[in-house]
Amino acid sequence: HDYAHNLGTGGLFLASERIFREGDEFEIDFLVPRVDANMKCLARVAWLNEAKKMKRPDLPPGAGLEFVDLDKENRYLLQKFVLDSARMQLSK
């Protein structure tokens, strides 16, 4: 199963065994935790973390995805999630 890792306002890392190519574009649908927002947008493969050629050994195989057409309201909700997450980390 694919899962999101490192969700931010500009994109996310998708941990996946699927084969992607840099530059591929496709629609993604994902749920943002603690915001209860289901988001759908076009995403572009910005970089790859292939099992045989790891750019980021701290992450599993997958692809870095850039949000291409995330609307203003959803971008705001993502910013809220990121800021709330940072506050939670700082308060620990």
C-alpha atoms as a PDB file:
ATOM      1  CA  HIS A   1       0.000   0.000   0.000  1.00  0.00           C
ATOM      2  CA  ASP A   2       1.135   3.531  -0.739  1.00  0.00           C
ATOM      3  CA  TYR A   3       1.275   6.087   2.033  1.00  0.00           C
ATOM      4  CA  ALA A   4       2.195   9.755   2.380  1.00  0.00           C
ATOM      5  CA  HIS A   5       5.329  10.764   4.213  1.00  0.00           C
ATOM      6  CA  ASN A   6       6.575  14.310   4.919  1.00  0.00           C
ATOM      7  CA  LEU A   7       3.412  16.170   3.939  1.00  0.00           C
ATOM      8  CA  GLY A   8       3.991  19.876   3.345  1.00  0.00           C
ATOM      9  CA  THR A   9       2.365  22.815   1.602  1.00  0.00           C
ATOM     10  CA  GLY A  10       4.207  22.190  -1.668  1.00  0.00           C
ATOM     11  CA  GLY A  11       3.928  18.437  -1.889  1.00  0.00           C
ATOM     12  CA  LEU A  12       4.535  15.131  -0.194  1.00  0.00           C
ATOM     13  CA  PHE A  13       6.695  12.057  -0.321  1.00  0.00           C
ATOM     14  CA  LEU A  14       4.749   9.000  -1.449  1.00  0.00           C
ATOM     15  CA  ALA A  15       6.211   5.763  -0.099  1.00  0.00           C
ATOM     16  CA  SER A  16       5.433   3.247  -2.821  1.00  0.00           C
ATOM     17  CA  GLU A  17       6.751   0.226  -4.687  1.00  0.00           C
ATOM     18  CA  ARG A  18       5.178   1.551  -7.904  1.00  0.00           C
ATOM     19  CA  ILE A  19       7.409   2.593 -10.778  1.00  0.00           C
ATOM     20  CA  PHE A  20       7.355   6.340 -11.455  1.00  0.00           C
ATOM     21  CA  ARG A  21       9.286   8.574 -13.820  1.00  0.00           C
ATOM     22  CA  GLU A  22      10.370  12.104 -12.980  1.00  0.00           C
ATOM     23  CA  GLY A  23       7.946  14.532 -14.592  1.00  0.00           C
ATOM     24  CA  ASP A  24       4.967  12.137 -14.582  1.00  0.00           C
ATOM     25  CA  GLU A  25       1.721  13.883 -13.629  1.00  0.00           C
ATOM     26  CA  PHE A  26      -1.397  12.294 -12.159  1.00  0.00           C
ATOM     27  CA  GLU A  27      -4.293  13.102  -9.875  1.00  0.00           C
ATOM     28  CA  ILE A  28      -3.940  12.242  -6.200  1.00  0.00           C
ATOM     29  CA  ASP A  29      -6.544  12.088  -3.469  1.00  0.00           C
ATOM     30  CA  PHE A  30      -5.455  12.209   0.180  1.00  0.00           C
ATOM     31  CA  LEU A  31      -6.734  12.934   3.669  1.00  0.00           C
ATOM     32  CA  VAL A  32      -4.979  15.513   5.841  1.00  0.00           C
ATOM     33  CA  PRO A  33      -4.805  14.415   9.492  1.00  0.00           C
ATOM     34  CA  ARG A  34      -6.317  16.609  12.232  1.00  0.00           C
ATOM     35  CA  VAL A  35      -7.855  18.892   9.589  1.00  0.00           C
ATOM     36  CA  ASP A  36     -10.393  16.330   8.335  1.00  0.00           C
ATOM     37  CA  ALA A  37      -9.957  17.554   4.780  1.00  0.00           C
ATOM     38  CA  ASN A  38     -10.002  15.242   1.799  1.00  0.00           C
ATOM     39  CA  MET A  39      -7.869  16.836  -0.916  1.00  0.00           C
ATOM     40  CA  LYS A  40      -7.618  16.110  -4.599  1.00  0.00           C
ATOM     41  CA  CYS A  41      -5.144  17.727  -6.970  1.00  0.00           C
ATOM     42  CA  LEU A  42      -2.747  17.166  -9.830  1.00  0.00           C
ATOM     43  CA  ALA A  43       0.729  16.114  -8.698  1.00  0.00           C
ATOM     44  CA  ARG A  44       4.041  15.945 -10.552  1.00  0.00           C
ATOM     45  CA  VAL A  45       6.849  13.506  -9.744  1.00  0.00           C
ATOM     46  CA  ALA A  46       9.690  15.833  -8.733  1.00  0.00           C
ATOM     47  CA  TRP A  47      12.218  13.195  -7.638  1.00  0.00           C
ATOM     48  CA  LEU A  48      12.586   9.453  -7.087  1.00  0.00           C
ATOM     49  CA  ASN A  49      13.880   7.409  -4.189  1.00  0.00           C
ATOM     50  CA  GLU A  50      14.492   4.088  -5.882  1.00  0.00           C
ATOM     51  CA  ALA A  51      15.492   1.020  -3.862  1.00  0.00           C
ATOM     52  CA  LYS A  52      18.683   0.564  -5.918  1.00  0.00           C
ATOM     53  CA  LYS A  53      19.490   4.290  -6.039  1.00  0.00           C
ATOM     54  CA  MET A  54      18.412   5.975  -2.806  1.00  0.00           C
ATOM     55  CA  LYS A  55      18.603   9.780  -2.835  1.00  0.00           C
ATOM     56  CA  ARG A  56      17.238   9.813   0.728  1.00  0.00           C
ATOM     57  CA  PRO A  57      18.241   6.651   2.632  1.00  0.00           C
ATOM     58  CA  ASP A  58      16.169   7.877   5.586  1.00  0.00           C
ATOM     59  CA  LEU A  59      13.009   7.373   3.492  1.00  0.00           C
ATOM     60  CA  PRO A  60      11.556   4.207   1.975  1.00  0.00           C
ATOM     61  CA  PRO A  61      11.363   3.737  -1.808  1.00  0.00           C
ATOM     62  CA  GLY A  62       8.900   6.078  -3.482  1.00  0.00           C
ATOM     63  CA  ALA A  63       8.568   9.497  -5.097  1.00  0.00           C
ATOM     64  CA  GLY A  64       8.598  13.134  -4.101  1.00  0.00           C
ATOM     65  CA  LEU A  65       5.413  14.690  -5.450  1.00  0.00           C
ATOM     66  CA  GLU A  66       4.854  18.385  -6.089  1.00  0.00           C
ATOM     67  CA  PHE A  67       1.301  19.727  -5.923  1.00  0.00           C
ATOM     68  CA  VAL A  68       0.537  21.329  -9.296  1.00  0.00           C
ATOM     69  CA  ASP A  69      -2.958  22.759  -8.942  1.00  0.00           C
ATOM     70  CA  LEU A  70      -3.890  22.679  -5.259  1.00  0.00           C
ATOM     71  CA  ASP A  71      -6.568  25.321  -4.743  1.00  0.00           C
ATOM     72  CA  LYS A  72      -6.199  28.234  -2.340  1.00  0.00           C
ATOM     73  CA  GLU A  73      -8.550  26.836   0.324  1.00  0.00           C
ATOM     74  CA  ASN A  74      -6.797  23.469   0.466  1.00  0.00           C
ATOM     75  CA  ARG A  75      -3.372  25.140   0.499  1.00  0.00           C
ATOM     76  CA  TYR A  76      -4.540  27.143   3.534  1.00  0.00           C
ATOM     77  CA  LEU A  77      -5.694  23.929   5.272  1.00  0.00           C
ATOM     78  CA  LEU A  78      -2.322  22.324   4.551  1.00  0.00           C
ATOM     79  CA  GLN A  79      -0.508  25.358   5.986  1.00  0.00           C
ATOM     80  CA  LYS A  80      -2.651  25.068   9.112  1.00  0.00           C
ATOM     81  CA  PHE A  81      -1.771  21.363   9.425  1.00  0.00           C
ATOM     82  CA  VAL A  82       1.968  22.043   8.984  1.00  0.00           C
ATOM     83  CA  LEU A  83       1.979  24.882  11.531  1.00  0.00           C
ATOM     84  CA  ASP A  84      -0.078  22.878  14.051  1.00  0.00           C
ATOM     85  CA  SER A  85       2.276  19.905  13.612  1.00  0.00           C
ATOM     86  CA  ALA A  86       5.310  22.116  14.216  1.00  0.00           C
ATOM     87  CA  ARG A  87       3.724  23.563  17.356  1.00  0.00           C
ATOM     88  CA  MET A  88       3.007  20.063  18.655  1.00  0.00           C
ATOM     89  CA  GLN A  89       6.649  19.065  18.100  1.00  0.00           C
ATOM     90  CA  LEU A  90       7.931  22.177  19.867  1.00  0.00           C
ATOM     91  CA  SER A  91       5.697  21.635  22.890  1.00  0.00           C
ATOM     92  CA  LYS A  92       7.118  18.132  23.536  1.00  0.00           C
END
